[in-house]
Amino acid sequence: MAEKWVFTGKWTCGWCNYVYDPSKGAPEAGIKPGTPFEDLPEDWPCPSCNISGKFRKQMRKEEG
């Protein structure tokens, strides 16, 4: 069986590993639950480490 990588719907900061989950938003940064990552400003800083532009899609492996 081949493995494939699928997007979890969450985004991870490449600097500190903070996870942005659109269903939860980022209340500590004034982002309401249900806000898609794509709707955040391009230079949105990570609420944990305050570094901008380091987010990447969180992926997981699936067998299939």
PDB file of N, CA and C in Angstrom:
ATOM      1  N   MET A   1       0.830  -1.187   0.000  1.00  0.00           N
ATOM      2  CA  MET A   1       0.000   0.000   0.000  1.00  0.00           C
ATOM      3  C   MET A   1       0.873   1.248   0.000  1.00  0.00           C
ATOM      4  N   ALA A   2       0.467   2.198  -0.779  1.00  0.00           N
ATOM      5  CA  ALA A   2       1.215   3.454  -0.847  1.00  0.00           C
ATOM      6  C   ALA A   2       0.737   4.388   0.255  1.00  0.00           C
ATOM      7  N   GLU A   3       1.659   5.136   0.774  1.00  0.00           N
ATOM      8  CA  GLU A   3       1.272   6.122   1.770  1.00  0.00           C
ATOM      9  C   GLU A   3       1.097   7.463   1.079  1.00  0.00           C
ATOM     10  N   LYS A   4       0.230   8.267   1.653  1.00  0.00           N
ATOM     11  CA  LYS A   4       0.052   9.605   1.102  1.00  0.00           C
ATOM     12  C   LYS A   4      -0.064  10.582   2.268  1.00  0.00           C
ATOM     13  N   TRP A   5       0.233  11.821   1.989  1.00  0.00           N
ATOM     14  CA  TRP A   5       0.173  12.867   2.999  1.00  0.00           C
ATOM     15  C   TRP A   5      -1.085  13.686   2.768  1.00  0.00           C
ATOM     16  N   VAL A   6      -1.838  13.939   3.853  1.00  0.00           N
ATOM     17  CA  VAL A   6      -3.065  14.716   3.760  1.00  0.00           C
ATOM     18  C   VAL A   6      -3.004  15.900   4.727  1.00  0.00           C
ATOM     19  N   PHE A   7      -3.633  16.981   4.327  1.00  0.00           N
ATOM     20  CA  PHE A   7      -3.680  18.196   5.129  1.00  0.00           C
ATOM     21  C   PHE A   7      -4.663  18.010   6.273  1.00  0.00           C
ATOM     22  N   THR A   8      -4.262  18.331   7.491  1.00  0.00           N
ATOM     23  CA  THR A   8      -5.115  18.159   8.675  1.00  0.00           C
ATOM     24  C   THR A   8      -6.108  19.300   8.858  1.00  0.00           C
ATOM     25  N   GLY A   9      -5.911  20.405   8.127  1.00  0.00           N
ATOM     26  CA  GLY A   9      -6.760  21.574   8.301  1.00  0.00           C
ATOM     27  C   GLY A   9      -6.192  22.547   9.324  1.00  0.00           C
ATOM     28  N   LYS A  10      -5.038  22.190   9.899  1.00  0.00           N
ATOM     29  CA  LYS A  10      -4.369  23.038  10.885  1.00  0.00           C
ATOM     30  C   LYS A  10      -3.050  23.531  10.318  1.00  0.00           C
ATOM     31  N   TRP A  11      -2.536  24.595  10.891  1.00  0.00           N
ATOM     32  CA  TRP A  11      -1.287  25.205  10.450  1.00  0.00           C
ATOM     33  C   TRP A  11      -0.324  25.243  11.628  1.00  0.00           C
ATOM     34  N   THR A  12       0.960  24.987  11.375  1.00  0.00           N
ATOM     35  CA  THR A  12       1.959  24.940  12.433  1.00  0.00           C
ATOM     36  C   THR A  12       3.035  25.991  12.194  1.00  0.00           C
ATOM     37  N   CYS A  13       3.422  26.684  13.262  1.00  0.00           N
ATOM     38  CA  CYS A  13       4.529  27.633  13.183  1.00  0.00           C
ATOM     39  C   CYS A  13       5.831  26.843  13.075  1.00  0.00           C
ATOM     40  N   GLY A  14       6.605  27.137  12.062  1.00  0.00           N
ATOM     41  CA  GLY A  14       7.874  26.446  11.839  1.00  0.00           C
ATOM     42  C   GLY A  14       8.953  26.835  12.835  1.00  0.00           C
ATOM     43  N   TRP A  15       8.692  27.860  13.616  1.00  0.00           N
ATOM     44  CA  TRP A  15       9.684  28.321  14.586  1.00  0.00           C
ATOM     45  C   TRP A  15       9.460  27.689  15.953  1.00  0.00           C
ATOM     46  N   CYS A  16       8.198  27.742  16.460  1.00  0.00           N
ATOM     47  CA  CYS A  16       7.944  27.283  17.837  1.00  0.00           C
ATOM     48  C   CYS A  16       6.944  26.132  17.938  1.00  0.00           C
ATOM     49  N   ASN A  17       6.399  25.689  16.800  1.00  0.00           N
ATOM     50  CA  ASN A  17       5.432  24.587  16.732  1.00  0.00           C
ATOM     51  C   ASN A  17       4.046  24.919  17.278  1.00  0.00           C
ATOM     52  N   TYR A  18       3.726  26.206  17.438  1.00  0.00           N
ATOM     53  CA  TYR A  18       2.362  26.600  17.790  1.00  0.00           C
ATOM     54  C   TYR A  18       1.439  26.101  16.686  1.00  0.00           C
ATOM     55  N   VAL A  19       0.279  25.576  17.052  1.00  0.00           N
ATOM     56  CA  VAL A  19      -0.676  25.073  16.066  1.00  0.00           C
ATOM     57  C   VAL A  19      -1.875  26.011  15.985  1.00  0.00           C
ATOM     58  N   TYR A  20      -2.139  26.514  14.778  1.00  0.00           N
ATOM     59  CA  TYR A  20      -3.338  27.317  14.541  1.00  0.00           C
ATOM     60  C   TYR A  20      -4.419  26.399  14.014  1.00  0.00           C
ATOM     61  N   ASP A  21      -5.492  26.276  14.783  1.00  0.00           N
ATOM     62  CA  ASP A  21      -6.645  25.475  14.399  1.00  0.00           C
ATOM     63  C   ASP A  21      -7.781  26.443  14.081  1.00  0.00           C
ATOM     64  N   PRO A  22      -8.187  26.545  12.807  1.00  0.00           N
ATOM     65  CA  PRO A  22      -9.230  27.496  12.440  1.00  0.00           C
ATOM     66  C   PRO A  22     -10.524  27.329  13.245  1.00  0.00           C
ATOM     67  N   SER A  23     -10.833  26.123  13.665  1.00  0.00           N
ATOM     68  CA  SER A  23     -12.074  25.922  14.420  1.00  0.00           C
ATOM     69  C   SER A  23     -12.007  26.574  15.798  1.00  0.00           C
ATOM     70  N   LYS A  24     -10.794  26.763  16.308  1.00  0.00           N
ATOM     71  CA  LYS A  24     -10.604  27.397  17.621  1.00  0.00           C
ATOM     72  C   LYS A  24     -10.189  28.856  17.506  1.00  0.00           C
ATOM     73  N   GLY A  25      -9.643  29.236  16.346  1.00  0.00           N
ATOM     74  CA  GLY A  25      -9.125  30.590  16.189  1.00  0.00           C
ATOM     75  C   GLY A  25      -7.891  30.792  17.067  1.00  0.00           C
ATOM     76  N   ALA A  26      -7.629  32.040  17.405  1.00  0.00           N
ATOM     77  CA  ALA A  26      -6.511  32.386  18.298  1.00  0.00           C
ATOM     78  C   ALA A  26      -6.994  33.533  19.186  1.00  0.00           C
ATOM     79  N   PRO A  27      -7.847  33.203  20.179  1.00  0.00           N
ATOM     80  CA  PRO A  27      -8.424  34.246  21.022  1.00  0.00           C
ATOM     81  C   PRO A  27      -7.383  35.146  21.673  1.00  0.00           C
ATOM     82  N   GLU A  28      -6.220  34.593  21.973  1.00  0.00           N
ATOM     83  CA  GLU A  28      -5.140  35.374  22.593  1.00  0.00           C
ATOM     84  C   GLU A  28      -4.610  36.458  21.658  1.00  0.00           C
ATOM     85  N   ALA A  29      -4.892  36.284  20.349  1.00  0.00           N
ATOM     86  CA  ALA A  29      -4.455  37.261  19.353  1.00  0.00           C
ATOM     87  C   ALA A  29      -5.642  37.990  18.715  1.00  0.00           C
ATOM     88  N   GLY A  30      -6.833  37.811  19.299  1.00  0.00           N
ATOM     89  CA  GLY A  30      -8.017  38.492  18.774  1.00  0.00           C
ATOM     90  C   GLY A  30      -8.617  37.849  17.533  1.00  0.00           C
ATOM     91  N   ILE A  31      -8.265  36.587  17.253  1.00  0.00           N
ATOM     92  CA  ILE A  31      -8.794  35.876  16.082  1.00  0.00           C
ATOM     93  C   ILE A  31      -9.936  34.970  16.537  1.00  0.00           C
ATOM     94  N   LYS A  32     -11.118  35.180  15.993  1.00  0.00           N
ATOM     95  CA  LYS A  32     -12.306  34.443  16.405  1.00  0.00           C
ATOM     96  C   LYS A  32     -12.302  33.013  15.871  1.00  0.00           C
ATOM     97  N   PRO A  33     -12.918  32.083  16.617  1.00  0.00           N
ATOM     98  CA  PRO A  33     -13.099  30.722  16.104  1.00  0.00           C
ATOM     99  C   PRO A  33     -13.807  30.751  14.756  1.00  0.00           C
ATOM    100  N   GLY A  34     -13.411  29.847  13.871  1.00  0.00           N
ATOM    101  CA  GLY A  34     -13.998  29.765  12.540  1.00  0.00           C
ATOM    102  C   GLY A  34     -13.283  30.607  11.500  1.00  0.00           C
ATOM    103  N   THR A  35     -12.221  31.308  11.891  1.00  0.00           N
ATOM    104  CA  THR A  35     -11.478  32.149  10.939  1.00  0.00           C
ATOM    105  C   THR A  35     -10.494  31.287  10.150  1.00  0.00           C
ATOM    106  N   PRO A  36     -10.684  31.154   8.838  1.00  0.00           N
ATOM    107  CA  PRO A  36      -9.736  30.380   8.023  1.00  0.00           C
ATOM    108  C   PRO A  36      -8.344  31.026   8.039  1.00  0.00           C
ATOM    109  N   PHE A  37      -7.339  30.203   7.980  1.00  0.00           N
ATOM    110  CA  PHE A  37      -5.960  30.711   7.976  1.00  0.00           C
ATOM    111  C   PHE A  37      -5.758  31.669   6.811  1.00  0.00           C
ATOM    112  N   GLU A  38      -6.361  31.367   5.679  1.00  0.00           N
ATOM    113  CA  GLU A  38      -6.214  32.186   4.484  1.00  0.00           C
ATOM    114  C   GLU A  38      -6.760  33.603   4.672  1.00  0.00           C
ATOM    115  N   ASP A  39      -7.627  33.796   5.647  1.00  0.00           N
ATOM    116  CA  ASP A  39      -8.190  35.115   5.918  1.00  0.00           C
ATOM    117  C   ASP A  39      -7.325  35.963   6.846  1.00  0.00           C
ATOM    118  N   LEU A  40      -6.268  35.372   7.406  1.00  0.00           N
ATOM    119  CA  LEU A  40      -5.358  36.128   8.273  1.00  0.00           C
ATOM    120  C   LEU A  40      -4.402  36.946   7.392  1.00  0.00           C
ATOM    121  N   PRO A  41      -3.909  38.070   7.892  1.00  0.00           N
ATOM    122  CA  PRO A  41      -2.943  38.850   7.103  1.00  0.00           C
ATOM    123  C   PRO A  41      -1.701  38.006   6.786  1.00  0.00           C
ATOM    124  N   GLU A  42      -1.094  38.255   5.624  1.00  0.00           N
ATOM    125  CA  GLU A  42       0.103  37.494   5.224  1.00  0.00           C
ATOM    126  C   GLU A  42       1.217  37.587   6.247  1.00  0.00           C
ATOM    127  N   ASP A  43       1.321  38.726   6.905  1.00  0.00           N
ATOM    128  CA  ASP A  43       2.403  38.921   7.875  1.00  0.00           C
ATOM    129  C   ASP A  43       1.940  38.682   9.319  1.00  0.00           C
ATOM    130  N   TRP A  44       0.840  37.913   9.475  1.00  0.00           N
ATOM    131  CA  TRP A  44       0.315  37.637  10.810  1.00  0.00           C
ATOM    132  C   TRP A  44       1.379  36.951  11.651  1.00  0.00           C
ATOM    133  N   PRO A  45       1.720  37.523  12.816  1.00  0.00           N
ATOM    134  CA  PRO A  45       2.744  36.897  13.653  1.00  0.00           C
ATOM    135  C   PRO A  45       2.159  35.777  14.509  1.00  0.00           C
ATOM    136  N   CYS A  46       2.952  34.791  14.753  1.00  0.00           N
ATOM    137  CA  CYS A  46       2.566  33.691  15.627  1.00  0.00           C
ATOM    138  C   CYS A  46       2.264  34.257  17.021  1.00  0.00           C
ATOM    139  N   PRO A  47       1.122  33.894  17.624  1.00  0.00           N
ATOM    140  CA  PRO A  47       0.793  34.404  18.945  1.00  0.00           C
ATOM    141  C   PRO A  47       1.736  33.903  20.036  1.00  0.00           C
ATOM    142  N   SER A  48       2.454  32.827  19.763  1.00  0.00           N
ATOM    143  CA  SER A  48       3.357  32.269  20.759  1.00  0.00           C
ATOM    144  C   SER A  48       4.761  32.886  20.713  1.00  0.00           C
ATOM    145  N   CYS A  49       5.352  32.953  19.506  1.00  0.00           N
ATOM    146  CA  CYS A  49       6.743  33.426  19.399  1.00  0.00           C
ATOM    147  C   CYS A  49       6.868  34.796  18.731  1.00  0.00           C
ATOM    148  N   ASN A  50       5.753  35.299  18.160  1.00  0.00           N
ATOM    149  CA  ASN A  50       5.703  36.616  17.522  1.00  0.00           C
ATOM    150  C   ASN A  50       6.531  36.717  16.232  1.00  0.00           C
ATOM    151  N   ILE A  51       6.853  35.580  15.627  1.00  0.00           N
ATOM    152  CA  ILE A  51       7.579  35.558  14.354  1.00  0.00           C
ATOM    153  C   ILE A  51       6.543  35.482  13.222  1.00  0.00           C
ATOM    154  N   SER A  52       6.712  36.265  12.179  1.00  0.00           N
ATOM    155  CA  SER A  52       5.786  36.277  11.043  1.00  0.00           C
ATOM    156  C   SER A  52       6.269  35.385   9.910  1.00  0.00           C
ATOM    157  N   GLY A  53       5.330  34.831   9.164  1.00  0.00           N
ATOM    158  CA  GLY A  53       5.651  34.130   7.919  1.00  0.00           C
ATOM    159  C   GLY A  53       6.240  32.749   8.059  1.00  0.00           C
ATOM    160  N   LYS A  54       6.116  32.120   9.210  1.00  0.00           N
ATOM    161  CA  LYS A  54       6.720  30.799   9.400  1.00  0.00           C
ATOM    162  C   LYS A  54       5.708  29.665   9.447  1.00  0.00           C
ATOM    163  N   PHE A  55       4.424  29.963   9.164  1.00  0.00           N
ATOM    164  CA  PHE A  55       3.411  28.918   9.242  1.00  0.00           C
ATOM    165  C   PHE A  55       3.433  28.025   8.017  1.00  0.00           C
ATOM    166  N   ARG A  56       3.173  26.742   8.246  1.00  0.00           N
ATOM    167  CA  ARG A  56       3.071  25.780   7.147  1.00  0.00           C
ATOM    168  C   ARG A  56       1.915  24.831   7.451  1.00  0.00           C
ATOM    169  N   LYS A  57       1.413  24.207   6.411  1.00  0.00           N
ATOM    170  CA  LYS A  57       0.310  23.267   6.577  1.00  0.00           C
ATOM    171  C   LYS A  57       0.757  22.088   7.425  1.00  0.00           C
ATOM    172  N   GLN A  58      -0.115  21.669   8.350  1.00  0.00           N
ATOM    173  CA  GLN A  58       0.165  20.489   9.153  1.00  0.00           C
ATOM    174  C   GLN A  58      -0.333  19.277   8.365  1.00  0.00           C
ATOM    175  N   MET A  59       0.546  18.325   8.143  1.00  0.00           N
ATOM    176  CA  MET A  59       0.219  17.157   7.343  1.00  0.00           C
ATOM    177  C   MET A  59       0.317  15.904   8.203  1.00  0.00           C
ATOM    178  N   ARG A  60      -0.383  14.865   7.767  1.00  0.00           N
ATOM    179  CA  ARG A  60      -0.241  13.575   8.420  1.00  0.00           C
ATOM    180  C   ARG A  60      -0.240  12.485   7.355  1.00  0.00           C
ATOM    181  N   LYS A  61       0.394  11.376   7.701  1.00  0.00           N
ATOM    182  CA  LYS A  61       0.494  10.255   6.779  1.00  0.00           C
ATOM    183  C   LYS A  61      -0.750   9.391   6.840  1.00  0.00           C
ATOM    184  N   GLU A  62      -1.189   8.927   5.705  1.00  0.00           N
ATOM    185  CA  GLU A  62      -2.297   7.985   5.617  1.00  0.00           C
ATOM    186  C   GLU A  62      -1.860   6.815   4.761  1.00  0.00           C
ATOM    187  N   GLU A  63      -2.198   5.644   5.216  1.00  0.00           N
ATOM    188  CA  GLU A  63      -1.942   4.457   4.402  1.00  0.00           C
ATOM    189  C   GLU A  63      -3.109   4.299   3.449  1.00  0.00           C
ATOM    190  N   GLY A  64      -2.826   3.905   2.257  1.00  0.00           N
ATOM    191  CA  GLY A  64      -3.961   3.701   1.363  1.00  0.00           C
ATOM    192  C   GLY A  64      -3.586   3.523   0.010  1.00  0.00           C
TER     193      GLY A  64
END
